[in-house]
Amino acid sequence: MNHIREFVRQSPLEIVARCLPLYSVPDATQKDLFAAYSQFLELLDDEKSREHLDSLRAENSRTDSTFNKVKEISSVFERCLDKIFFDNPKLGPLTRKYGVF
């Protein structure tokens, strides 16, 4: 019961950071995951970037540098999640059996 209470008190990010080493996720993947997450939050924290993205028209997105930066960050994050949940020999089978997508 204490184990569950301890986890509930943590943020999702803290839980991920704590669990990745337990599942032998390579340091490089962990570093890339948290770097991408941090870069995304930094971009969203910038009011000018948020306003720019909010007013960006779909037809202009392919050539927009801010939008392309978001796409780059999300691609890195997605690759890390694929490595963690599908390529990892400990988590991959669990993801395939119990994952809901």
PDB file of N, CA and C in Angstrom:
ATOM      1  N   MET A   1       0.823  -1.188   0.000  1.00  0.00           N
ATOM      2  CA  MET A   1       0.000   0.000   0.000  1.00  0.00           C
ATOM      3  C   MET A   1       0.873   1.261   0.000  1.00  0.00           C
ATOM      4  N   ASN A   2       1.952   1.250   0.752  1.00  0.00           N
ATOM      5  CA  ASN A   2       2.854   2.405   0.766  1.00  0.00           C
ATOM      6  C   ASN A   2       3.464   2.644  -0.606  1.00  0.00           C
ATOM      7  N   HIS A   3       3.731   1.555  -1.318  1.00  0.00           N
ATOM      8  CA  HIS A   3       4.307   1.659  -2.660  1.00  0.00           C
ATOM      9  C   HIS A   3       3.367   2.440  -3.585  1.00  0.00           C
ATOM     10  N   ILE A   4       2.093   2.138  -3.520  1.00  0.00           N
ATOM     11  CA  ILE A   4       1.105   2.821  -4.353  1.00  0.00           C
ATOM     12  C   ILE A   4       1.005   4.288  -3.950  1.00  0.00           C
ATOM     13  N   ARG A   5       0.957   4.558  -2.657  1.00  0.00           N
ATOM     14  CA  ARG A   5       0.889   5.950  -2.187  1.00  0.00           C
ATOM     15  C   ARG A   5       2.097   6.749  -2.651  1.00  0.00           C
ATOM     16  N   GLU A   6       3.268   6.129  -2.603  1.00  0.00           N
ATOM     17  CA  GLU A   6       4.486   6.809  -3.043  1.00  0.00           C
ATOM     18  C   GLU A   6       4.396   7.187  -4.518  1.00  0.00           C
ATOM     19  N   PHE A   7       3.890   6.280  -5.330  1.00  0.00           N
ATOM     20  CA  PHE A   7       3.768   6.565  -6.763  1.00  0.00           C
ATOM     21  C   PHE A   7       2.717   7.638  -7.036  1.00  0.00           C
ATOM     22  N   VAL A   8       1.607   7.613  -6.329  1.00  0.00           N
ATOM     23  CA  VAL A   8       0.544   8.583  -6.551  1.00  0.00           C
ATOM     24  C   VAL A   8       1.011   9.995  -6.216  1.00  0.00           C
ATOM     25  N   ARG A   9       1.917  10.128  -5.307  1.00  0.00           N
ATOM     26  CA  ARG A   9       2.433  11.443  -4.903  1.00  0.00           C
ATOM     27  C   ARG A   9       3.431  12.018  -5.905  1.00  0.00           C
ATOM     28  N   GLN A  10       3.890  11.213  -6.829  1.00  0.00           N
ATOM     29  CA  GLN A  10       4.876  11.666  -7.809  1.00  0.00           C
ATOM     30  C   GLN A  10       4.178  12.160  -9.070  1.00  0.00           C
ATOM     31  N   SER A  11       4.851  13.069  -9.756  1.00  0.00           N
ATOM     32  CA  SER A  11       4.335  13.503 -11.051  1.00  0.00           C
ATOM     33  C   SER A  11       4.609  12.390 -12.071  1.00  0.00           C
ATOM     34  N   PRO A  12       3.877  12.386 -13.172  1.00  0.00           N
ATOM     35  CA  PRO A  12       4.157  11.381 -14.207  1.00  0.00           C
ATOM     36  C   PRO A  12       5.610  11.427 -14.685  1.00  0.00           C
ATOM     37  N   LEU A  13       6.165  12.628 -14.793  1.00  0.00           N
ATOM     38  CA  LEU A  13       7.550  12.773 -15.233  1.00  0.00           C
ATOM     39  C   LEU A  13       8.520  12.132 -14.232  1.00  0.00           C
ATOM     40  N   GLU A  14       8.245  12.302 -12.944  1.00  0.00           N
ATOM     41  CA  GLU A  14       9.086  11.673 -11.919  1.00  0.00           C
ATOM     42  C   GLU A  14       8.996  10.155 -11.988  1.00  0.00           C
ATOM     43  N   ILE A  15       7.815   9.649 -12.236  1.00  0.00           N
ATOM     44  CA  ILE A  15       7.632   8.196 -12.340  1.00  0.00           C
ATOM     45  C   ILE A  15       8.415   7.649 -13.532  1.00  0.00           C
ATOM     46  N   VAL A  16       8.329   8.335 -14.664  1.00  0.00           N
ATOM     47  CA  VAL A  16       9.069   7.900 -15.846  1.00  0.00           C
ATOM     48  C   VAL A  16      10.573   7.926 -15.557  1.00  0.00           C
ATOM     49  N   ALA A  17      11.050   9.021 -14.989  1.00  0.00           N
ATOM     50  CA  ALA A  17      12.487   9.148 -14.692  1.00  0.00           C
ATOM     51  C   ALA A  17      12.962   8.055 -13.750  1.00  0.00           C
ATOM     52  N   ARG A  18      12.136   7.672 -12.848  1.00  0.00           N
ATOM     53  CA  ARG A  18      12.501   6.624 -11.884  1.00  0.00           C
ATOM     54  C   ARG A  18      12.470   5.230 -12.506  1.00  0.00           C
ATOM     55  N   CYS A  19      11.544   5.011 -13.423  1.00  0.00           N
ATOM     56  CA  CYS A  19      11.350   3.667 -13.972  1.00  0.00           C
ATOM     57  C   CYS A  19      12.254   3.326 -15.152  1.00  0.00           C
ATOM     58  N   LEU A  20      12.661   4.311 -15.923  1.00  0.00           N
ATOM     59  CA  LEU A  20      13.470   4.008 -17.109  1.00  0.00           C
ATOM     60  C   LEU A  20      14.734   3.219 -16.784  1.00  0.00           C
ATOM     61  N   PRO A  21      15.487   3.590 -15.751  1.00  0.00           N
ATOM     62  CA  PRO A  21      16.671   2.780 -15.433  1.00  0.00           C
ATOM     63  C   PRO A  21      16.309   1.355 -14.983  1.00  0.00           C
ATOM     64  N   LEU A  22      15.159   1.202 -14.347  1.00  0.00           N
ATOM     65  CA  LEU A  22      14.737  -0.132 -13.894  1.00  0.00           C
ATOM     66  C   LEU A  22      14.494  -1.084 -15.060  1.00  0.00           C
ATOM     67  N   TYR A  23      14.139  -0.507 -16.211  1.00  0.00           N
ATOM     68  CA  TYR A  23      13.880  -1.314 -17.401  1.00  0.00           C
ATOM     69  C   TYR A  23      15.030  -1.258 -18.395  1.00  0.00           C
ATOM     70  N   SER A  24      16.179  -0.868 -17.903  1.00  0.00           N
ATOM     71  CA  SER A  24      17.420  -0.858 -18.689  1.00  0.00           C
ATOM     72  C   SER A  24      17.315  -0.034 -19.971  1.00  0.00           C
ATOM     73  N   VAL A  25      16.584   1.068 -19.892  1.00  0.00           N
ATOM     74  CA  VAL A  25      16.507   1.974 -21.042  1.00  0.00           C
ATOM     75  C   VAL A  25      17.859   2.675 -21.146  1.00  0.00           C
ATOM     76  N   PRO A  26      18.489   2.640 -22.311  1.00  0.00           N
ATOM     77  CA  PRO A  26      19.818   3.241 -22.461  1.00  0.00           C
ATOM     78  C   PRO A  26      19.843   4.717 -22.055  1.00  0.00           C
ATOM     79  N   ASP A  27      20.959   5.110 -21.487  1.00  0.00           N
ATOM     80  CA  ASP A  27      21.121   6.499 -21.043  1.00  0.00           C
ATOM     81  C   ASP A  27      20.870   7.490 -22.175  1.00  0.00           C
ATOM     82  N   ALA A  28      21.337   7.171 -23.378  1.00  0.00           N
ATOM     83  CA  ALA A  28      21.160   8.078 -24.519  1.00  0.00           C
ATOM     84  C   ALA A  28      19.679   8.296 -24.821  1.00  0.00           C
ATOM     85  N   THR A  29      18.880   7.248 -24.718  1.00  0.00           N
ATOM     86  CA  THR A  29      17.442   7.366 -24.973  1.00  0.00           C
ATOM     87  C   THR A  29      16.786   8.207 -23.881  1.00  0.00           C
ATOM     88  N   GLN A  30      17.181   7.971 -22.641  1.00  0.00           N
ATOM     89  CA  GLN A  30      16.642   8.767 -21.541  1.00  0.00           C
ATOM     90  C   GLN A  30      16.984  10.244 -21.721  1.00  0.00           C
ATOM     91  N   LYS A  31      18.237  10.499 -22.063  1.00  0.00           N
ATOM     92  CA  LYS A  31      18.696  11.879 -22.260  1.00  0.00           C
ATOM     93  C   LYS A  31      17.913  12.552 -23.384  1.00  0.00           C
ATOM     94  N   ASP A  32      17.756  11.869 -24.505  1.00  0.00           N
ATOM     95  CA  ASP A  32      17.034  12.433 -25.649  1.00  0.00           C
ATOM     96  C   ASP A  32      15.560  12.676 -25.312  1.00  0.00           C
ATOM     97  N   LEU A  33      14.954  11.759 -24.580  1.00  0.00           N
ATOM     98  CA  LEU A  33      13.545  11.894 -24.199  1.00  0.00           C
ATOM     99  C   LEU A  33      13.335  13.149 -23.358  1.00  0.00           C
ATOM    100  N   PHE A  34      14.140  13.299 -22.314  1.00  0.00           N
ATOM    101  CA  PHE A  34      13.954  14.439 -21.417  1.00  0.00           C
ATOM    102  C   PHE A  34      14.410  15.750 -22.051  1.00  0.00           C
ATOM    103  N   ALA A  35      15.376  15.693 -22.939  1.00  0.00           N
ATOM    104  CA  ALA A  35      15.798  16.903 -23.652  1.00  0.00           C
ATOM    105  C   ALA A  35      14.673  17.383 -24.570  1.00  0.00           C
ATOM    106  N   ALA A  36      14.061  16.472 -25.291  1.00  0.00           N
ATOM    107  CA  ALA A  36      12.954  16.845 -26.176  1.00  0.00           C
ATOM    108  C   ALA A  36      11.783  17.398 -25.367  1.00  0.00           C
ATOM    109  N   TYR A  37      11.480  16.765 -24.269  1.00  0.00           N
ATOM    110  CA  TYR A  37      10.394  17.232 -23.399  1.00  0.00           C
ATOM    111  C   TYR A  37      10.688  18.646 -22.902  1.00  0.00           C
ATOM    112  N   SER A  38      11.908  18.870 -22.469  1.00  0.00           N
ATOM    113  CA  SER A  38      12.320  20.180 -21.975  1.00  0.00           C
ATOM    114  C   SER A  38      12.260  21.233 -23.067  1.00  0.00           C
ATOM    115  N   GLN A  39      12.739  20.893 -24.260  1.00  0.00           N
ATOM    116  CA  GLN A  39      12.705  21.832 -25.380  1.00  0.00           C
ATOM    117  C   GLN A  39      11.270  22.215 -25.743  1.00  0.00           C
ATOM    118  N   PHE A  40      10.378  21.233 -25.691  1.00  0.00           N
ATOM    119  CA  PHE A  40       8.978  21.502 -25.999  1.00  0.00           C
ATOM    120  C   PHE A  40       8.371  22.454 -24.975  1.00  0.00           C
ATOM    121  N   LEU A  41       8.646  22.192 -23.689  1.00  0.00           N
ATOM    122  CA  LEU A  41       8.125  23.071 -22.643  1.00  0.00           C
ATOM    123  C   LEU A  41       8.702  24.482 -22.759  1.00  0.00           C
ATOM    124  N   GLU A  42       9.979  24.577 -23.087  1.00  0.00           N
ATOM    125  CA  GLU A  42      10.597  25.890 -23.268  1.00  0.00           C
ATOM    126  C   GLU A  42       9.928  26.653 -24.408  1.00  0.00           C
ATOM    127  N   LEU A  43       9.651  25.961 -25.492  1.00  0.00           N
ATOM    128  CA  LEU A  43       9.000  26.603 -26.624  1.00  0.00           C
ATOM    129  C   LEU A  43       7.602  27.074 -26.240  1.00  0.00           C
ATOM    130  N   LEU A  44       6.857  26.241 -25.532  1.00  0.00           N
ATOM    131  CA  LEU A  44       5.513  26.621 -25.115  1.00  0.00           C
ATOM    132  C   LEU A  44       5.523  27.719 -24.055  1.00  0.00           C
ATOM    133  N   ASP A  45       6.590  27.794 -23.301  1.00  0.00           N
ATOM    134  CA  ASP A  45       6.706  28.820 -22.271  1.00  0.00           C
ATOM    135  C   ASP A  45       6.959  30.195 -22.869  1.00  0.00           C
ATOM    136  N   ASP A  46       7.425  30.235 -24.093  1.00  0.00           N
ATOM    137  CA  ASP A  46       7.701  31.490 -24.773  1.00  0.00           C
ATOM    138  C   ASP A  46       6.400  32.042 -25.368  1.00  0.00           C
ATOM    139  N   GLU A  47       5.950  33.155 -24.833  1.00  0.00           N
ATOM    140  CA  GLU A  47       4.668  33.726 -25.253  1.00  0.00           C
ATOM    141  C   GLU A  47       4.636  34.049 -26.743  1.00  0.00           C
ATOM    142  N   LYS A  48       5.725  34.576 -27.258  1.00  0.00           N
ATOM    143  CA  LYS A  48       5.797  34.924 -28.682  1.00  0.00           C
ATOM    144  C   LYS A  48       5.619  33.672 -29.556  1.00  0.00           C
ATOM    145  N   SER A  49       6.277  32.570 -29.176  1.00  0.00           N
ATOM    146  CA  SER A  49       6.149  31.317 -29.940  1.00  0.00           C
ATOM    147  C   SER A  49       4.732  30.779 -29.874  1.00  0.00           C
ATOM    148  N   ARG A  50       4.137  30.814 -28.678  1.00  0.00           N
ATOM    149  CA  ARG A  50       2.759  30.325 -28.536  1.00  0.00           C
ATOM    150  C   ARG A  50       1.800  31.135 -29.411  1.00  0.00           C
ATOM    151  N   GLU A  51       1.939  32.451 -29.354  1.00  0.00           N
ATOM    152  CA  GLU A  51       1.061  33.308 -30.158  1.00  0.00           C
ATOM    153  C   GLU A  51       1.276  33.063 -31.651  1.00  0.00           C
ATOM    154  N   HIS A  52       2.530  32.890 -32.024  1.00  0.00           N
ATOM    155  CA  HIS A  52       2.848  32.628 -33.435  1.00  0.00           C
ATOM    156  C   HIS A  52       2.185  31.326 -33.894  1.00  0.00           C
ATOM    157  N   LEU A  53       2.332  30.278 -33.103  1.00  0.00           N
ATOM    158  CA  LEU A  53       1.742  28.993 -33.477  1.00  0.00           C
ATOM    159  C   LEU A  53       0.220  29.055 -33.473  1.00  0.00           C
ATOM    160  N   ASP A  54      -0.319  29.805 -32.536  1.00  0.00           N
ATOM    161  CA  ASP A  54      -1.775  29.933 -32.445  1.00  0.00           C
ATOM    162  C   ASP A  54      -2.352  30.608 -33.689  1.00  0.00           C
ATOM    163  N   SER A  55      -1.625  31.551 -34.245  1.00  0.00           N
ATOM    164  CA  SER A  55      -2.130  32.284 -35.409  1.00  0.00           C
ATOM    165  C   SER A  55      -1.654  31.692 -36.742  1.00  0.00           C
ATOM    166  N   LEU A  56      -0.837  30.653 -36.693  1.00  0.00           N
ATOM    167  CA  LEU A  56      -0.287  30.055 -37.908  1.00  0.00           C
ATOM    168  C   LEU A  56      -1.373  29.344 -38.704  1.00  0.00           C
ATOM    169  N   ARG A  57      -1.442  29.647 -39.965  1.00  0.00           N
ATOM    170  CA  ARG A  57      -2.406  28.992 -40.858  1.00  0.00           C
ATOM    171  C   ARG A  57      -1.802  27.675 -41.356  1.00  0.00           C
ATOM    172  N   ALA A  58      -2.643  26.695 -41.530  1.00  0.00           N
ATOM    173  CA  ALA A  58      -2.191  25.360 -41.932  1.00  0.00           C
ATOM    174  C   ALA A  58      -1.374  25.405 -43.223  1.00  0.00           C
ATOM    175  N   GLU A  59      -1.796  26.204 -44.158  1.00  0.00           N
ATOM    176  CA  GLU A  59      -1.092  26.244 -45.446  1.00  0.00           C
ATOM    177  C   GLU A  59       0.307  26.836 -45.332  1.00  0.00           C
ATOM    178  N   ASN A  60       0.607  27.514 -44.229  1.00  0.00           N
ATOM    179  CA  ASN A  60       1.936  28.095 -44.034  1.00  0.00           C
ATOM    180  C   ASN A  60       2.828  27.241 -43.121  1.00  0.00           C
ATOM    181  N   SER A  61       2.278  26.187 -42.580  1.00  0.00           N
ATOM    182  CA  SER A  61       3.013  25.406 -41.570  1.00  0.00           C
ATOM    183  C   SER A  61       4.258  24.709 -42.128  1.00  0.00           C
ATOM    184  N   ARG A  62       4.206  24.262 -43.365  1.00  0.00           N
ATOM    185  CA  ARG A  62       5.343  23.515 -43.923  1.00  0.00           C
ATOM    186  C   ARG A  62       6.619  24.346 -44.042  1.00  0.00           C
ATOM    187  N   THR A  63       6.469  25.640 -44.177  1.00  0.00           N
ATOM    188  CA  THR A  63       7.639  26.501 -44.342  1.00  0.00           C
ATOM    189  C   THR A  63       7.927  27.340 -43.096  1.00  0.00           C
ATOM    190  N   ASP A  64       7.181  27.116 -42.031  1.00  0.00           N
ATOM    191  CA  ASP A  64       7.337  27.925 -40.822  1.00  0.00           C
ATOM    192  C   ASP A  64       8.415  27.337 -39.917  1.00  0.00           C
ATOM    193  N   SER A  65       9.374  28.155 -39.527  1.00  0.00           N
ATOM    194  CA  SER A  65      10.509  27.667 -38.731  1.00  0.00           C
ATOM    195  C   SER A  65      10.089  27.217 -37.328  1.00  0.00           C
ATOM    196  N   THR A  66       9.149  27.934 -36.711  1.00  0.00           N
ATOM    197  CA  THR A  66       8.703  27.547 -35.365  1.00  0.00           C
ATOM    198  C   THR A  66       7.957  26.225 -35.421  1.00  0.00           C
ATOM    199  N   PHE A  67       7.080  26.092 -36.382  1.00  0.00           N
ATOM    200  CA  PHE A  67       6.334  24.839 -36.539  1.00  0.00           C
ATOM    201  C   PHE A  67       7.283  23.679 -36.838  1.00  0.00           C
ATOM    202  N   ASN A  68       8.259  23.916 -37.693  1.00  0.00           N
ATOM    203  CA  ASN A  68       9.229  22.867 -38.008  1.00  0.00           C
ATOM    204  C   ASN A  68      10.060  22.473 -36.792  1.00  0.00           C
ATOM    205  N   LYS A  69      10.338  23.419 -35.918  1.00  0.00           N
ATOM    206  CA  LYS A  69      11.054  23.106 -34.674  1.00  0.00           C
ATOM    207  C   LYS A  69      10.203  22.193 -33.797  1.00  0.00           C
ATOM    208  N   VAL A  70       8.920  22.478 -33.710  1.00  0.00           N
ATOM    209  CA  VAL A  70       8.004  21.623 -32.946  1.00  0.00           C
ATOM    210  C   VAL A  70       7.981  20.218 -33.539  1.00  0.00           C
ATOM    211  N   LYS A  71       7.939  20.130 -34.857  1.00  0.00           N
ATOM    212  CA  LYS A  71       7.943  18.821 -35.521  1.00  0.00           C
ATOM    213  C   LYS A  71       9.228  18.051 -35.222  1.00  0.00           C
ATOM    214  N   GLU A  72      10.372  18.731 -35.238  1.00  0.00           N
ATOM    215  CA  GLU A  72      11.654  18.086 -34.925  1.00  0.00           C
ATOM    216  C   GLU A  72      11.653  17.550 -33.495  1.00  0.00           C
ATOM    217  N   ILE A  73      11.215  18.380 -32.575  1.00  0.00           N
ATOM    218  CA  ILE A  73      11.176  17.980 -31.165  1.00  0.00           C
ATOM    219  C   ILE A  73      10.255  16.780 -30.990  1.00  0.00           C
ATOM    220  N   SER A  74       9.074  16.839 -31.596  1.00  0.00           N
ATOM    221  CA  SER A  74       8.118  15.738 -31.436  1.00  0.00           C
ATOM    222  C   SER A  74       8.618  14.455 -32.094  1.00  0.00           C
ATOM    223  N   SER A  75       9.380  14.576 -33.166  1.00  0.00           N
ATOM    224  CA  SER A  75       9.942  13.381 -33.811  1.00  0.00           C
ATOM    225  C   SER A  75      10.957  12.692 -32.905  1.00  0.00           C
ATOM    226  N   VAL A  76      11.803  13.476 -32.256  1.00  0.00           N
ATOM    227  CA  VAL A  76      12.776  12.909 -31.314  1.00  0.00           C
ATOM    228  C   VAL A  76      12.035  12.230 -30.163  1.00  0.00           C
ATOM    229  N   PHE A  77      11.029  12.906 -29.624  1.00  0.00           N
ATOM    230  CA  PHE A  77      10.262  12.358 -28.508  1.00  0.00           C
ATOM    231  C   PHE A  77       9.577  11.052 -28.915  1.00  0.00           C
ATOM    232  N   GLU A  78       8.983  11.045 -30.102  1.00  0.00           N
ATOM    233  CA  GLU A  78       8.306   9.844 -30.597  1.00  0.00           C
ATOM    234  C   GLU A  78       9.284   8.676 -30.780  1.00  0.00           C
ATOM    235  N   ARG A  79      10.461   8.957 -31.345  1.00  0.00           N
ATOM    236  CA  ARG A  79      11.467   7.892 -31.515  1.00  0.00           C
ATOM    237  C   ARG A  79      11.872   7.309 -30.160  1.00  0.00           C
ATOM    238  N   CYS A  80      12.026   8.161 -29.167  1.00  0.00           N
ATOM    239  CA  CYS A  80      12.382   7.682 -27.832  1.00  0.00           C
ATOM    240  C   CYS A  80      11.279   6.797 -27.259  1.00  0.00           C
ATOM    241  N   LEU A  81      10.024   7.223 -27.406  1.00  0.00           N
ATOM    242  CA  LEU A  81       8.914   6.410 -26.911  1.00  0.00           C
ATOM    243  C   LEU A  81       8.854   5.063 -27.624  1.00  0.00           C
ATOM    244  N   ASP A  82       9.107   5.052 -28.926  1.00  0.00           N
ATOM    245  CA  ASP A  82       9.146   3.785 -29.663  1.00  0.00           C
ATOM    246  C   ASP A  82      10.237   2.875 -29.115  1.00  0.00           C
ATOM    247  N   LYS A  83      11.409   3.446 -28.853  1.00  0.00           N
ATOM    248  CA  LYS A  83      12.513   2.648 -28.299  1.00  0.00           C
ATOM    249  C   LYS A  83      12.150   2.092 -26.934  1.00  0.00           C
ATOM    250  N   ILE A  84      11.497   2.909 -26.124  1.00  0.00           N
ATOM    251  CA  ILE A  84      11.159   2.497 -24.760  1.00  0.00           C
ATOM    252  C   ILE A  84      10.056   1.448 -24.758  1.00  0.00           C
ATOM    253  N   PHE A  85       8.964   1.718 -25.460  1.00  0.00           N
ATOM    254  CA  PHE A  85       7.780   0.862 -25.341  1.00  0.00           C
ATOM    255  C   PHE A  85       7.690  -0.266 -26.366  1.00  0.00           C
ATOM    256  N   PHE A  86       8.475  -0.201 -27.437  1.00  0.00           N
ATOM    257  CA  PHE A  86       8.399  -1.269 -28.433  1.00  0.00           C
ATOM    258  C   PHE A  86       9.713  -2.021 -28.613  1.00  0.00           C
ATOM    259  N   ASP A  87      10.837  -1.312 -28.564  1.00  0.00           N
ATOM    260  CA  ASP A  87      12.127  -1.959 -28.804  1.00  0.00           C
ATOM    261  C   ASP A  87      12.743  -2.546 -27.543  1.00  0.00           C
ATOM    262  N   ASN A  88      12.333  -2.067 -26.386  1.00  0.00           N
ATOM    263  CA  ASN A  88      12.904  -2.545 -25.130  1.00  0.00           C
ATOM    264  C   ASN A  88      12.465  -3.984 -24.870  1.00  0.00           C
ATOM    265  N   PRO A  89      13.434  -4.892 -24.620  1.00  0.00           N
ATOM    266  CA  PRO A  89      13.074  -6.301 -24.443  1.00  0.00           C
ATOM    267  C   PRO A  89      12.216  -6.578 -23.207  1.00  0.00           C
ATOM    268  N   LYS A  90      12.238  -5.678 -22.236  1.00  0.00           N
ATOM    269  CA  LYS A  90      11.412  -5.868 -21.039  1.00  0.00           C
ATOM    270  C   LYS A  90      10.021  -5.251 -21.203  1.00  0.00           C
ATOM    271  N   LEU A  91       9.963  -4.080 -21.831  1.00  0.00           N
ATOM    272  CA  LEU A  91       8.682  -3.386 -21.956  1.00  0.00           C
ATOM    273  C   LEU A  91       7.935  -3.702 -23.248  1.00  0.00           C
ATOM    274  N   GLY A  92       8.658  -4.026 -24.303  1.00  0.00           N
ATOM    275  CA  GLY A  92       8.028  -4.311 -25.585  1.00  0.00           C
ATOM    276  C   GLY A  92       6.937  -5.362 -25.510  1.00  0.00           C
ATOM    277  N   PRO A  93       7.220  -6.529 -24.930  1.00  0.00           N
ATOM    278  CA  PRO A  93       6.174  -7.555 -24.846  1.00  0.00           C
ATOM    279  C   PRO A  93       4.967  -7.108 -24.014  1.00  0.00           C
ATOM    280  N   LEU A  94       5.206  -6.338 -22.957  1.00  0.00           N
ATOM    281  CA  LEU A  94       4.100  -5.839 -22.136  1.00  0.00           C
ATOM    282  C   LEU A  94       3.263  -4.829 -22.909  1.00  0.00           C
ATOM    283  N   THR A  95       3.929  -3.982 -23.674  1.00  0.00           N
ATOM    284  CA  THR A  95       3.222  -2.987 -24.486  1.00  0.00           C
ATOM    285  C   THR A  95       2.349  -3.692 -25.521  1.00  0.00           C
ATOM    286  N   ARG A  96       2.901  -4.700 -26.156  1.00  0.00           N
ATOM    287  CA  ARG A  96       2.145  -5.408 -27.182  1.00  0.00           C
ATOM    288  C   ARG A  96       0.954  -6.166 -26.600  1.00  0.00           C
ATOM    289  N   LYS A  97       1.127  -6.701 -25.395  1.00  0.00           N
ATOM    290  CA  LYS A  97       0.071  -7.504 -24.800  1.00  0.00           C
ATOM    291  C   LYS A  97      -0.985  -6.640 -24.096  1.00  0.00           C
ATOM    292  N   TYR A  98      -0.543  -5.607 -23.366  1.00  0.00           N
ATOM    293  CA  TYR A  98      -1.470  -4.859 -22.519  1.00  0.00           C
ATOM    294  C   TYR A  98      -1.695  -3.409 -22.943  1.00  0.00           C
ATOM    295  N   GLY A  99      -0.918  -2.935 -23.903  1.00  0.00           N
ATOM    296  CA  GLY A  99      -1.032  -1.532 -24.308  1.00  0.00           C
ATOM    297  C   GLY A  99      -2.353  -1.242 -24.977  1.00  0.00           C
ATOM    298  N   VAL A 100      -2.831  -0.051 -24.760  1.00  0.00           N
ATOM    299  CA  VAL A 100      -4.082   0.385 -25.367  1.00  0.00           C
ATOM    300  C   VAL A 100      -3.759   1.606 -26.218  1.00  0.00           C
ATOM    301  N   PHE A 101      -3.922   1.451 -27.527  1.00  0.00           N
ATOM    302  CA  PHE A 101      -3.601   2.548 -28.437  1.00  0.00           C
ATOM    303  C   PHE A 101      -4.747   2.821 -29.364  1.00  0.00           C
TER     304      PHE A 101
END
